[in-house]
């Protein structure tokens, strides 16, 4: 653990007070060629927190992005993870990388933009690290206290976190973009991580439009973690902006054939079936008994997914 020590006098005794040194990891979002602008807003938010700022650039042939990030004022270090495993910026591949990075560097804050990627990744990471994620902040009072909107933007909440590690998504429009020139950060390779790819895993759990929003995919990540599974999505979920494109299973997405495929809240459009029909065992969960997915499923559960999935997670966790 990094720490800062200060000395003070109390009752004629020298007392050493230790406080954790502030250090923030910003997860850079990019297209492997250039930064997505919200990363610059997120770096500004990190500067307001204070302490050293490290940026993680994970992707495929993304060294140009790492070079771009190294020139941003305020960034002290760039970690580069250049591997085919990170091509789609999927939560199941990025989470092991972030866990290994946090284990090595022990950051006090981890920030990402409040995008589909950030909303899909941070809740899963927070669950793994046993902290509560803080979503879509619009202001920073101090290293522990943040401002965000609630009730669909109709109210403002000031939130103080007692977690030793803060995992935060940043609303880009609330912070100015950092400059692109003037910095000179050092660059090094990110820690190695055991990455699990959707096409390689024996179990895939996919969510559809029935998930209602991206935040609810956390339920699937929790279940997937218990089962050692990867998480995918239907085209409808991707088109609705719930999760990134690279999570899509189907004719225009990834073709998978795991030992077990669990379809949650997926109606079963033809293009989706084309991407998973060769799975050895297909399980479908949908509250609509007429959903086409049941025609190809080996096992079907007609139930509200918001009841079924947590119950499954509890059962699997007890085994």
C-alpha atoms as a PDB file:
ATOM      1  CA  UNK A   1       0.000   0.000   0.000  1.00  0.00           C
ATOM      2  CA  UNK A   2       1.207   3.480  -0.790  1.00  0.00           C
ATOM      3  CA  UNK A   3       0.972   5.817   2.187  1.00  0.00           C
ATOM      4  CA  UNK A   4       1.816   9.314   3.231  1.00  0.00           C
ATOM      5  CA  UNK A   5       3.145   9.909   6.720  1.00  0.00           C
ATOM      6  CA  UNK A   6       2.864  13.101   8.706  1.00  0.00           C
ATOM      7  CA  UNK A   7       4.041  13.817  12.268  1.00  0.00           C
ATOM      8  CA  UNK A   8       2.301  15.751  14.998  1.00  0.00           C
ATOM      9  CA  UNK A   9       2.667  16.323  18.772  1.00  0.00           C
ATOM     10  CA  UNK A  10      -0.007  15.099  21.155  1.00  0.00           C
ATOM     11  CA  UNK A  11       0.485  15.181  24.957  1.00  0.00           C
ATOM     12  CA  UNK A  12       4.250  15.351  24.599  1.00  0.00           C
ATOM     13  CA  UNK A  13       4.230  12.252  22.433  1.00  0.00           C
ATOM     14  CA  UNK A  14       5.226  12.002  18.804  1.00  0.00           C
ATOM     15  CA  UNK A  15       2.346  10.435  16.896  1.00  0.00           C
ATOM     16  CA  UNK A  16       2.606   9.282  13.295  1.00  0.00           C
ATOM     17  CA  UNK A  17      -0.575   9.567  11.265  1.00  0.00           C
ATOM     18  CA  UNK A  18      -0.800   7.471   8.141  1.00  0.00           C
ATOM     19  CA  UNK A  19      -3.198   8.170   5.313  1.00  0.00           C
ATOM     20  CA  UNK A  20      -3.478   6.347   2.011  1.00  0.00           C
ATOM     21  CA  UNK A  21      -1.845   8.221  -0.837  1.00  0.00           C
ATOM     22  CA  UNK A  22      -4.386   9.249  -3.471  1.00  0.00           C
ATOM     23  CA  UNK A  23      -3.821   7.560  -6.815  1.00  0.00           C
ATOM     24  CA  UNK A  24      -6.366   7.212  -9.588  1.00  0.00           C
ATOM     25  CA  UNK A  25      -6.597   4.767 -12.465  1.00  0.00           C
ATOM     26  CA  UNK A  26      -8.476   6.079 -15.503  1.00  0.00           C
ATOM     27  CA  UNK A  27      -9.681   3.435 -17.949  1.00  0.00           C
ATOM     28  CA  UNK A  28      -9.127   4.926 -21.391  1.00  0.00           C
ATOM     29  CA  UNK A  29     -11.840   4.365 -23.985  1.00  0.00           C
ATOM     30  CA  UNK A  30     -10.736   4.340 -27.620  1.00  0.00           C
ATOM     31  CA  UNK A  31     -11.115   2.656 -31.009  1.00  0.00           C
ATOM     32  CA  UNK A  32      -7.514   1.332 -31.108  1.00  0.00           C
ATOM     33  CA  UNK A  33      -6.491   4.370 -33.164  1.00  0.00           C
ATOM     34  CA  UNK A  34      -7.525   7.391 -31.103  1.00  0.00           C
ATOM     35  CA  UNK A  35      -9.135   8.286 -27.805  1.00  0.00           C
ATOM     36  CA  UNK A  36     -12.883   8.566 -27.363  1.00  0.00           C
ATOM     37  CA  UNK A  37     -13.404  12.170 -26.111  1.00  0.00           C
ATOM     38  CA  UNK A  38     -15.060  11.173 -22.816  1.00  0.00           C
ATOM     39  CA  UNK A  39     -11.687   9.885 -21.605  1.00  0.00           C
ATOM     40  CA  UNK A  40     -10.443  13.486 -21.571  1.00  0.00           C
ATOM     41  CA  UNK A  41     -13.388  14.514 -19.389  1.00  0.00           C
ATOM     42  CA  UNK A  42     -12.690  11.591 -17.077  1.00  0.00           C
ATOM     43  CA  UNK A  43      -9.049  12.656 -16.698  1.00  0.00           C
ATOM     44  CA  UNK A  44     -10.237  16.129 -15.670  1.00  0.00           C
ATOM     45  CA  UNK A  45     -12.386  14.489 -12.985  1.00  0.00           C
ATOM     46  CA  UNK A  46      -9.366  12.496 -11.823  1.00  0.00           C
ATOM     47  CA  UNK A  47      -7.358  15.711 -11.529  1.00  0.00           C
ATOM     48  CA  UNK A  48     -10.035  17.143  -9.241  1.00  0.00           C
ATOM     49  CA  UNK A  49      -9.663  14.152  -6.918  1.00  0.00           C
ATOM     50  CA  UNK A  50      -5.937  14.801  -6.619  1.00  0.00           C
ATOM     51  CA  UNK A  51      -2.902  12.536  -6.453  1.00  0.00           C
ATOM     52  CA  UNK A  52      -1.162  10.631  -9.225  1.00  0.00           C
ATOM     53  CA  UNK A  53      -3.104   9.638 -12.343  1.00  0.00           C
ATOM     54  CA  UNK A  54      -2.428   6.441 -14.267  1.00  0.00           C
ATOM     55  CA  UNK A  55      -4.235   5.640 -17.525  1.00  0.00           C
ATOM     56  CA  UNK A  56      -4.875   2.091 -18.676  1.00  0.00           C
ATOM     57  CA  UNK A  57      -4.965   1.612 -22.448  1.00  0.00           C
ATOM     58  CA  UNK A  58      -6.214  -1.885 -23.304  1.00  0.00           C
ATOM     59  CA  UNK A  59      -6.916  -2.976 -26.848  1.00  0.00           C
ATOM     60  CA  UNK A  60      -5.425  -4.412 -30.019  1.00  0.00           C
ATOM     61  CA  UNK A  61      -2.570  -2.634 -31.804  1.00  0.00           C
ATOM     62  CA  UNK A  62      -3.324   0.410 -29.670  1.00  0.00           C
ATOM     63  CA  UNK A  63       0.179   1.766 -29.059  1.00  0.00           C
ATOM     64  CA  UNK A  64      -0.806   4.995 -30.868  1.00  0.00           C
ATOM     65  CA  UNK A  65      -3.484   5.563 -28.257  1.00  0.00           C
ATOM     66  CA  UNK A  66      -0.989   5.013 -25.438  1.00  0.00           C
ATOM     67  CA  UNK A  67       1.300   7.587 -27.038  1.00  0.00           C
ATOM     68  CA  UNK A  68      -1.617  10.028 -27.299  1.00  0.00           C
ATOM     69  CA  UNK A  69      -2.496   9.537 -23.627  1.00  0.00           C
ATOM     70  CA  UNK A  70       1.110  10.052 -22.515  1.00  0.00           C
ATOM     71  CA  UNK A  71       0.954  13.647 -23.789  1.00  0.00           C
ATOM     72  CA  UNK A  72      -2.074  14.620 -21.675  1.00  0.00           C
ATOM     73  CA  UNK A  73      -1.108  16.985 -18.819  1.00  0.00           C
ATOM     74  CA  UNK A  74      -1.677  15.491 -15.386  1.00  0.00           C
ATOM     75  CA  UNK A  75      -1.171  11.878 -16.426  1.00  0.00           C
ATOM     76  CA  UNK A  76       1.909  10.474 -14.697  1.00  0.00           C
ATOM     77  CA  UNK A  77       1.909   6.931 -16.079  1.00  0.00           C
ATOM     78  CA  UNK A  78       0.375   4.946 -18.951  1.00  0.00           C
ATOM     79  CA  UNK A  79      -0.215   1.195 -18.695  1.00  0.00           C
ATOM     80  CA  UNK A  80      -0.472  -0.539 -22.076  1.00  0.00           C
ATOM     81  CA  UNK A  81      -2.260  -3.879 -22.494  1.00  0.00           C
ATOM     82  CA  UNK A  82      -2.019  -4.756 -26.197  1.00  0.00           C
ATOM     83  CA  UNK A  83      -3.607  -8.138 -26.822  1.00  0.00           C
ATOM     84  CA  UNK A  84      -6.233  -9.713 -29.096  1.00  0.00           C
ATOM     85  CA  UNK A  85      -8.152 -10.602 -25.940  1.00  0.00           C
ATOM     86  CA  UNK A  86      -9.037  -6.921 -25.469  1.00  0.00           C
ATOM     87  CA  UNK A  87     -10.243  -6.313 -29.019  1.00  0.00           C
ATOM     88  CA  UNK A  88     -13.880  -5.885 -28.069  1.00  0.00           C
ATOM     89  CA  UNK A  89     -13.371  -4.153 -24.699  1.00  0.00           C
ATOM     90  CA  UNK A  90     -15.598  -6.801 -23.122  1.00  0.00           C
ATOM     91  CA  UNK A  91     -16.144  -6.819 -19.348  1.00  0.00           C
ATOM     92  CA  UNK A  92     -15.130 -10.474 -19.037  1.00  0.00           C
ATOM     93  CA  UNK A  93     -11.735  -9.760 -20.615  1.00  0.00           C
ATOM     94  CA  UNK A  94     -11.098  -6.376 -18.998  1.00  0.00           C
ATOM     95  CA  UNK A  95     -12.113  -7.408 -15.471  1.00  0.00           C
ATOM     96  CA  UNK A  96      -9.207  -9.850 -14.906  1.00  0.00           C
ATOM     97  CA  UNK A  97      -6.831  -7.213 -16.268  1.00  0.00           C
ATOM     98  CA  UNK A  98      -8.167  -4.581 -13.884  1.00  0.00           C
ATOM     99  CA  UNK A  99      -8.037  -6.966 -10.930  1.00  0.00           C
ATOM    100  CA  UNK A 100      -4.386  -7.727 -11.656  1.00  0.00           C
ATOM    101  CA  UNK A 101      -3.652  -4.020 -12.099  1.00  0.00           C
ATOM    102  CA  UNK A 102      -5.355  -3.081  -8.834  1.00  0.00           C
ATOM    103  CA  UNK A 103      -3.524  -5.862  -6.998  1.00  0.00           C
ATOM    104  CA  UNK A 104      -0.174  -4.512  -8.159  1.00  0.00           C
ATOM    105  CA  UNK A 105      -0.755  -0.761  -7.822  1.00  0.00           C
ATOM    106  CA  UNK A 106      -3.460  -0.473  -5.121  1.00  0.00           C
ATOM    107  CA  UNK A 107      -5.217   2.610  -6.517  1.00  0.00           C
ATOM    108  CA  UNK A 108      -7.520   4.619  -4.283  1.00  0.00           C
ATOM    109  CA  UNK A 109      -9.888   5.474  -7.169  1.00  0.00           C
ATOM    110  CA  UNK A 110     -10.775   3.807 -10.487  1.00  0.00           C
ATOM    111  CA  UNK A 111     -12.625   5.972 -13.039  1.00  0.00           C
ATOM    112  CA  UNK A 112     -14.219   5.405 -16.423  1.00  0.00           C
ATOM    113  CA  UNK A 113     -16.638   7.326 -18.583  1.00  0.00           C
ATOM    114  CA  UNK A 114     -20.361   6.671 -18.101  1.00  0.00           C
ATOM    115  CA  UNK A 115     -20.639   4.966 -21.493  1.00  0.00           C
ATOM    116  CA  UNK A 116     -21.923   1.520 -22.447  1.00  0.00           C
ATOM    117  CA  UNK A 117     -18.438   0.178 -21.770  1.00  0.00           C
ATOM    118  CA  UNK A 118     -18.115   1.890 -18.397  1.00  0.00           C
ATOM    119  CA  UNK A 119     -21.619   0.927 -17.301  1.00  0.00           C
ATOM    120  CA  UNK A 120     -20.975  -2.687 -18.248  1.00  0.00           C
ATOM    121  CA  UNK A 121     -17.510  -2.945 -16.743  1.00  0.00           C
ATOM    122  CA  UNK A 122     -17.509  -1.013 -13.467  1.00  0.00           C
ATOM    123  CA  UNK A 123     -20.375  -2.804 -11.662  1.00  0.00           C
ATOM    124  CA  UNK A 124     -18.701  -6.141 -12.365  1.00  0.00           C
ATOM    125  CA  UNK A 125     -15.332  -4.872 -11.184  1.00  0.00           C
ATOM    126  CA  UNK A 126     -16.888  -3.383  -8.053  1.00  0.00           C
ATOM    127  CA  UNK A 127     -18.583  -6.679  -7.230  1.00  0.00           C
ATOM    128  CA  UNK A 128     -15.265  -8.503  -7.574  1.00  0.00           C
ATOM    129  CA  UNK A 129     -13.549  -6.009  -5.262  1.00  0.00           C
ATOM    130  CA  UNK A 130     -16.482  -5.922  -2.813  1.00  0.00           C
ATOM    131  CA  UNK A 131     -17.158  -2.186  -3.038  1.00  0.00           C
ATOM    132  CA  UNK A 132     -20.189  -0.161  -4.124  1.00  0.00           C
ATOM    133  CA  UNK A 133     -19.860   1.506  -7.546  1.00  0.00           C
ATOM    134  CA  UNK A 134     -20.649   5.216  -7.771  1.00  0.00           C
ATOM    135  CA  UNK A 135     -22.426   6.013 -11.020  1.00  0.00           C
ATOM    136  CA  UNK A 136     -22.454   9.046 -13.304  1.00  0.00           C
ATOM    137  CA  UNK A 137     -20.955  11.699 -11.067  1.00  0.00           C
ATOM    138  CA  UNK A 138     -21.301  15.328 -12.147  1.00  0.00           C
ATOM    139  CA  UNK A 139     -19.140  16.898  -9.444  1.00  0.00           C
ATOM    140  CA  UNK A 140     -16.410  16.218  -6.875  1.00  0.00           C
ATOM    141  CA  UNK A 141     -16.303  17.837  -3.427  1.00  0.00           C
ATOM    142  CA  UNK A 142     -13.302  15.923  -2.129  1.00  0.00           C
ATOM    143  CA  UNK A 143     -11.652  12.514  -2.481  1.00  0.00           C
ATOM    144  CA  UNK A 144     -14.562  10.793  -0.702  1.00  0.00           C
ATOM    145  CA  UNK A 145     -17.546  12.965  -1.640  1.00  0.00           C
ATOM    146  CA  UNK A 146     -19.224  13.122  -5.028  1.00  0.00           C
ATOM    147  CA  UNK A 147     -22.266  14.710  -6.658  1.00  0.00           C
ATOM    148  CA  UNK A 148     -24.636  12.961  -9.033  1.00  0.00           C
ATOM    149  CA  UNK A 149     -28.195  13.270 -10.279  1.00  0.00           C
ATOM    150  CA  UNK A 150     -30.982  10.905  -9.242  1.00  0.00           C
ATOM    151  CA  UNK A 151     -34.643  10.392 -10.143  1.00  0.00           C
ATOM    152  CA  UNK A 152     -34.004  10.790 -13.869  1.00  0.00           C
ATOM    153  CA  UNK A 153     -32.131  14.044 -13.293  1.00  0.00           C
ATOM    154  CA  UNK A 154     -34.838  15.666 -11.180  1.00  0.00           C
ATOM    155  CA  UNK A 155     -32.757  15.746  -7.995  1.00  0.00           C
ATOM    156  CA  UNK A 156     -29.098  16.110  -7.042  1.00  0.00           C
ATOM    157  CA  UNK A 157     -27.463  13.813  -4.506  1.00  0.00           C
ATOM    158  CA  UNK A 158     -24.249  14.376  -2.558  1.00  0.00           C
ATOM    159  CA  UNK A 159     -22.749  10.988  -1.759  1.00  0.00           C
ATOM    160  CA  UNK A 160     -19.883  10.235   0.634  1.00  0.00           C
ATOM    161  CA  UNK A 161     -18.197   6.871   0.164  1.00  0.00           C
ATOM    162  CA  UNK A 162     -16.535   5.040   3.036  1.00  0.00           C
ATOM    163  CA  UNK A 163     -15.031   2.387   0.766  1.00  0.00           C
ATOM    164  CA  UNK A 164     -11.230   2.383   0.717  1.00  0.00           C
ATOM    165  CA  UNK A 165     -11.432   2.029  -3.070  1.00  0.00           C
ATOM    166  CA  UNK A 166     -13.837   4.193  -5.049  1.00  0.00           C
ATOM    167  CA  UNK A 167     -15.025   2.862  -8.418  1.00  0.00           C
ATOM    168  CA  UNK A 168     -16.694   5.691 -10.303  1.00  0.00           C
ATOM    169  CA  UNK A 169     -18.299   6.369 -13.674  1.00  0.00           C
ATOM    170  CA  UNK A 170     -18.078   9.966 -14.879  1.00  0.00           C
ATOM    171  CA  UNK A 171     -20.683  11.884 -16.873  1.00  0.00           C
ATOM    172  CA  UNK A 172     -18.576  13.470 -19.582  1.00  0.00           C
ATOM    173  CA  UNK A 173     -20.672  16.589 -20.100  1.00  0.00           C
ATOM    174  CA  UNK A 174     -20.128  17.618 -16.468  1.00  0.00           C
ATOM    175  CA  UNK A 175     -16.352  18.067 -16.791  1.00  0.00           C
ATOM    176  CA  UNK A 176     -14.191  19.976 -19.250  1.00  0.00           C
ATOM    177  CA  UNK A 177     -11.967  17.975 -21.563  1.00  0.00           C
ATOM    178  CA  UNK A 178      -8.299  17.734 -20.613  1.00  0.00           C
ATOM    179  CA  UNK A 179      -5.745  19.167 -23.039  1.00  0.00           C
ATOM    180  CA  UNK A 180      -4.117  16.811 -25.539  1.00  0.00           C
ATOM    181  CA  UNK A 181      -0.650  18.355 -25.378  1.00  0.00           C
ATOM    182  CA  UNK A 182       1.819  19.320 -22.684  1.00  0.00           C
ATOM    183  CA  UNK A 183       2.335  16.088 -20.765  1.00  0.00           C
ATOM    184  CA  UNK A 184       5.153  13.562 -20.838  1.00  0.00           C
ATOM    185  CA  UNK A 185       4.011  10.457 -18.962  1.00  0.00           C
ATOM    186  CA  UNK A 186       6.065   7.303 -18.682  1.00  0.00           C
ATOM    187  CA  UNK A 187       4.664   4.183 -20.333  1.00  0.00           C
ATOM    188  CA  UNK A 188       4.950   0.532 -19.303  1.00  0.00           C
ATOM    189  CA  UNK A 189       3.203  -2.763 -19.907  1.00  0.00           C
ATOM    190  CA  UNK A 190       0.151  -3.544 -17.796  1.00  0.00           C
ATOM    191  CA  UNK A 191       0.222  -6.603 -15.520  1.00  0.00           C
ATOM    192  CA  UNK A 192      -0.529  -9.996 -17.054  1.00  0.00           C
ATOM    193  CA  UNK A 193      -4.064 -11.274 -16.583  1.00  0.00           C
ATOM    194  CA  UNK A 194      -5.909 -14.559 -17.043  1.00  0.00           C
ATOM    195  CA  UNK A 195      -8.458 -13.546 -19.682  1.00  0.00           C
ATOM    196  CA  UNK A 196     -11.526 -15.634 -20.506  1.00  0.00           C
ATOM    197  CA  UNK A 197     -12.933 -15.177 -24.013  1.00  0.00           C
ATOM    198  CA  UNK A 198     -16.567 -15.794 -24.963  1.00  0.00           C
ATOM    199  CA  UNK A 199     -15.597 -18.112 -27.811  1.00  0.00           C
ATOM    200  CA  UNK A 200     -13.412 -20.230 -25.502  1.00  0.00           C
ATOM    201  CA  UNK A 201     -15.554 -20.616 -22.394  1.00  0.00           C
ATOM    202  CA  UNK A 202     -17.781 -23.640 -21.794  1.00  0.00           C
ATOM    203  CA  UNK A 203     -20.701 -21.560 -20.537  1.00  0.00           C
ATOM    204  CA  UNK A 204     -22.219 -18.381 -21.994  1.00  0.00           C
ATOM    205  CA  UNK A 205     -24.996 -16.348 -20.375  1.00  0.00           C
ATOM    206  CA  UNK A 206     -26.652 -13.819 -22.688  1.00  0.00           C
ATOM    207  CA  UNK A 207     -29.144 -11.068 -21.931  1.00  0.00           C
ATOM    208  CA  UNK A 208     -31.734  -9.530 -24.215  1.00  0.00           C
ATOM    209  CA  UNK A 209     -34.051  -6.555 -24.310  1.00  0.00           C
ATOM    210  CA  UNK A 210     -35.845  -8.026 -21.310  1.00  0.00           C
ATOM    211  CA  UNK A 211     -32.912  -6.867 -19.150  1.00  0.00           C
ATOM    212  CA  UNK A 212     -34.442  -3.350 -19.538  1.00  0.00           C
ATOM    213  CA  UNK A 213     -31.134  -1.460 -19.148  1.00  0.00           C
ATOM    214  CA  UNK A 214     -27.379  -1.909 -19.007  1.00  0.00           C
ATOM    215  CA  UNK A 215     -27.159  -1.667 -15.221  1.00  0.00           C
ATOM    216  CA  UNK A 216     -29.254  -4.816 -14.881  1.00  0.00           C
ATOM    217  CA  UNK A 217     -26.575  -6.811 -16.697  1.00  0.00           C
ATOM    218  CA  UNK A 218     -24.781  -6.823 -13.334  1.00  0.00           C
ATOM    219  CA  UNK A 219     -27.108  -9.697 -12.408  1.00  0.00           C
ATOM    220  CA  UNK A 220     -25.732 -11.715 -15.301  1.00  0.00           C
ATOM    221  CA  UNK A 221     -22.136 -10.850 -14.407  1.00  0.00           C
ATOM    222  CA  UNK A 222     -22.751 -12.022 -10.836  1.00  0.00           C
ATOM    223  CA  UNK A 223     -24.182 -15.316 -12.070  1.00  0.00           C
ATOM    224  CA  UNK A 224     -21.406 -15.675 -14.643  1.00  0.00           C
ATOM    225  CA  UNK A 225     -18.743 -15.193 -11.980  1.00  0.00           C
ATOM    226  CA  UNK A 226     -20.269 -18.019  -9.940  1.00  0.00           C
ATOM    227  CA  UNK A 227     -20.446 -20.315 -12.989  1.00  0.00           C
ATOM    228  CA  UNK A 228     -17.142 -19.380 -14.620  1.00  0.00           C
ATOM    229  CA  UNK A 229     -19.077 -18.137 -17.633  1.00  0.00           C
ATOM    230  CA  UNK A 230     -18.767 -15.368 -20.202  1.00  0.00           C
ATOM    231  CA  UNK A 231     -21.561 -12.844 -20.778  1.00  0.00           C
ATOM    232  CA  UNK A 232     -23.099 -12.066 -24.155  1.00  0.00           C
ATOM    233  CA  UNK A 233     -26.125 -10.188 -25.457  1.00  0.00           C
ATOM    234  CA  UNK A 234     -28.746 -10.191 -28.183  1.00  0.00           C
ATOM    235  CA  UNK A 235     -28.771  -7.661 -30.983  1.00  0.00           C
ATOM    236  CA  UNK A 236     -31.808  -6.006 -29.396  1.00  0.00           C
ATOM    237  CA  UNK A 237     -29.849  -5.389 -26.181  1.00  0.00           C
ATOM    238  CA  UNK A 238     -26.901  -3.999 -28.132  1.00  0.00           C
ATOM    239  CA  UNK A 239     -29.088  -1.776 -30.328  1.00  0.00           C
ATOM    240  CA  UNK A 240     -30.774  -0.438 -27.187  1.00  0.00           C
ATOM    241  CA  UNK A 241     -27.364   0.650 -25.899  1.00  0.00           C
ATOM    242  CA  UNK A 242     -27.360  -1.705 -22.915  1.00  0.00           C
ATOM    243  CA  UNK A 243     -23.932  -3.202 -23.716  1.00  0.00           C
ATOM    244  CA  UNK A 244     -21.118  -2.786 -26.293  1.00  0.00           C
ATOM    245  CA  UNK A 245     -21.371  -4.230 -29.818  1.00  0.00           C
ATOM    246  CA  UNK A 246     -18.718  -6.856 -29.188  1.00  0.00           C
ATOM    247  CA  UNK A 247     -20.946  -8.658 -26.697  1.00  0.00           C
ATOM    248  CA  UNK A 248     -23.457  -9.448 -29.431  1.00  0.00           C
ATOM    249  CA  UNK A 249     -24.182 -13.097 -30.172  1.00  0.00           C
ATOM    250  CA  UNK A 250     -25.867 -13.787 -33.490  1.00  0.00           C
ATOM    251  CA  UNK A 251     -25.569 -13.819 -37.242  1.00  0.00           C
ATOM    252  CA  UNK A 252     -24.041 -10.326 -37.248  1.00  0.00           C
ATOM    253  CA  UNK A 253     -22.140 -10.875 -33.997  1.00  0.00           C
ATOM    254  CA  UNK A 254     -20.212 -13.735 -32.440  1.00  0.00           C
ATOM    255  CA  UNK A 255     -20.943 -17.370 -33.242  1.00  0.00           C
ATOM    256  CA  UNK A 256     -20.647 -19.499 -30.105  1.00  0.00           C
ATOM    257  CA  UNK A 257     -21.129 -23.196 -29.366  1.00  0.00           C
ATOM    258  CA  UNK A 258     -20.539 -23.676 -25.630  1.00  0.00           C
ATOM    259  CA  UNK A 259     -21.508 -26.697 -23.554  1.00  0.00           C
ATOM    260  CA  UNK A 260     -24.188 -24.534 -21.904  1.00  0.00           C
ATOM    261  CA  UNK A 261     -25.928 -21.447 -23.287  1.00  0.00           C
ATOM    262  CA  UNK A 262     -28.321 -19.539 -21.019  1.00  0.00           C
ATOM    263  CA  UNK A 263     -30.622 -17.041 -22.772  1.00  0.00           C
ATOM    264  CA  UNK A 264     -32.094 -14.514 -20.343  1.00  0.00           C
ATOM    265  CA  UNK A 265     -34.861 -12.174 -21.491  1.00  0.00           C
ATOM    266  CA  UNK A 266     -34.184 -13.037 -25.138  1.00  0.00           C
ATOM    267  CA  UNK A 267     -37.166 -13.572 -27.421  1.00  0.00           C
ATOM    268  CA  UNK A 268     -35.241 -15.679 -29.934  1.00  0.00           C
ATOM    269  CA  UNK A 269     -35.000 -13.805 -33.235  1.00  0.00           C
ATOM    270  CA  UNK A 270     -33.652 -15.856 -36.142  1.00  0.00           C
ATOM    271  CA  UNK A 271     -30.424 -13.873 -36.360  1.00  0.00           C
ATOM    272  CA  UNK A 272     -29.696 -14.569 -32.670  1.00  0.00           C
ATOM    273  CA  UNK A 273     -30.438 -18.275 -33.000  1.00  0.00           C
ATOM    274  CA  UNK A 274     -27.918 -18.450 -35.836  1.00  0.00           C
ATOM    275  CA  UNK A 275     -25.194 -17.454 -33.387  1.00  0.00           C
ATOM    276  CA  UNK A 276     -25.886 -20.021 -30.652  1.00  0.00           C
ATOM    277  CA  UNK A 277     -27.922 -22.896 -32.128  1.00  0.00           C
ATOM    278  CA  UNK A 278     -24.954 -25.297 -31.999  1.00  0.00           C
ATOM    279  CA  UNK A 279     -24.664 -25.035 -28.214  1.00  0.00           C
ATOM    280  CA  UNK A 280     -24.841 -28.475 -26.574  1.00  0.00           C
ATOM    281  CA  UNK A 281     -27.456 -27.444 -24.009  1.00  0.00           C
ATOM    282  CA  UNK A 282     -29.675 -24.349 -24.289  1.00  0.00           C
ATOM    283  CA  UNK A 283     -31.555 -22.936 -21.308  1.00  0.00           C
ATOM    284  CA  UNK A 284     -34.096 -20.129 -21.802  1.00  0.00           C
ATOM    285  CA  UNK A 285     -35.566 -17.811 -19.170  1.00  0.00           C
ATOM    286  CA  UNK A 286     -38.430 -15.614 -20.327  1.00  0.00           C
ATOM    287  CA  UNK A 287     -41.750 -14.557 -18.824  1.00  0.00           C
ATOM    288  CA  UNK A 288     -43.473 -14.887 -22.224  1.00  0.00           C
ATOM    289  CA  UNK A 289     -44.399 -18.558 -22.771  1.00  0.00           C
ATOM    290  CA  UNK A 290     -44.798 -17.869 -26.504  1.00  0.00           C
ATOM    291  CA  UNK A 291     -41.241 -16.585 -26.959  1.00  0.00           C
ATOM    292  CA  UNK A 292     -39.595 -18.339 -29.962  1.00  0.00           C
ATOM    293  CA  UNK A 293     -36.491 -19.088 -27.883  1.00  0.00           C
ATOM    294  CA  UNK A 294     -38.391 -21.907 -26.149  1.00  0.00           C
ATOM    295  CA  UNK A 295     -38.676 -23.765 -29.475  1.00  0.00           C
ATOM    296  CA  UNK A 296     -34.915 -24.373 -29.545  1.00  0.00           C
ATOM    297  CA  UNK A 297     -34.280 -24.595 -25.799  1.00  0.00           C
ATOM    298  CA  UNK A 298     -33.538 -27.910 -24.115  1.00  0.00           C
ATOM    299  CA  UNK A 299     -34.819 -26.452 -20.854  1.00  0.00           C
ATOM    300  CA  UNK A 300     -37.152 -23.511 -20.398  1.00  0.00           C
ATOM    301  CA  UNK A 301     -38.224 -21.463 -17.411  1.00  0.00           C
ATOM    302  CA  UNK A 302     -41.272 -19.220 -17.785  1.00  0.00           C
ATOM    303  CA  UNK A 303     -40.589 -16.678 -15.068  1.00  0.00           C
ATOM    304  CA  UNK A 304     -39.648 -13.059 -14.496  1.00  0.00           C
ATOM    305  CA  UNK A 305     -35.885 -12.924 -14.996  1.00  0.00           C
ATOM    306  CA  UNK A 306     -35.518 -10.433 -12.141  1.00  0.00           C
ATOM    307  CA  UNK A 307     -36.674 -13.171  -9.794  1.00  0.00           C
ATOM    308  CA  UNK A 308     -35.143 -16.172 -11.543  1.00  0.00           C
ATOM    309  CA  UNK A 309     -31.569 -14.940 -12.018  1.00  0.00           C
ATOM    310  CA  UNK A 310     -30.909 -13.887  -8.385  1.00  0.00           C
ATOM    311  CA  UNK A 311     -32.352 -17.218  -7.214  1.00  0.00           C
ATOM    312  CA  UNK A 312     -30.062 -19.100  -9.608  1.00  0.00           C
ATOM    313  CA  UNK A 313     -27.079 -17.084  -8.390  1.00  0.00           C
ATOM    314  CA  UNK A 314     -27.872 -17.969  -4.773  1.00  0.00           C
ATOM    315  CA  UNK A 315     -28.239 -21.664  -5.600  1.00  0.00           C
ATOM    316  CA  UNK A 316     -25.009 -21.833  -7.610  1.00  0.00           C
ATOM    317  CA  UNK A 317     -23.165 -19.899  -4.896  1.00  0.00           C
ATOM    318  CA  UNK A 318     -24.104 -22.483  -2.264  1.00  0.00           C
ATOM    319  CA  UNK A 319     -22.609 -25.368  -4.238  1.00  0.00           C
END
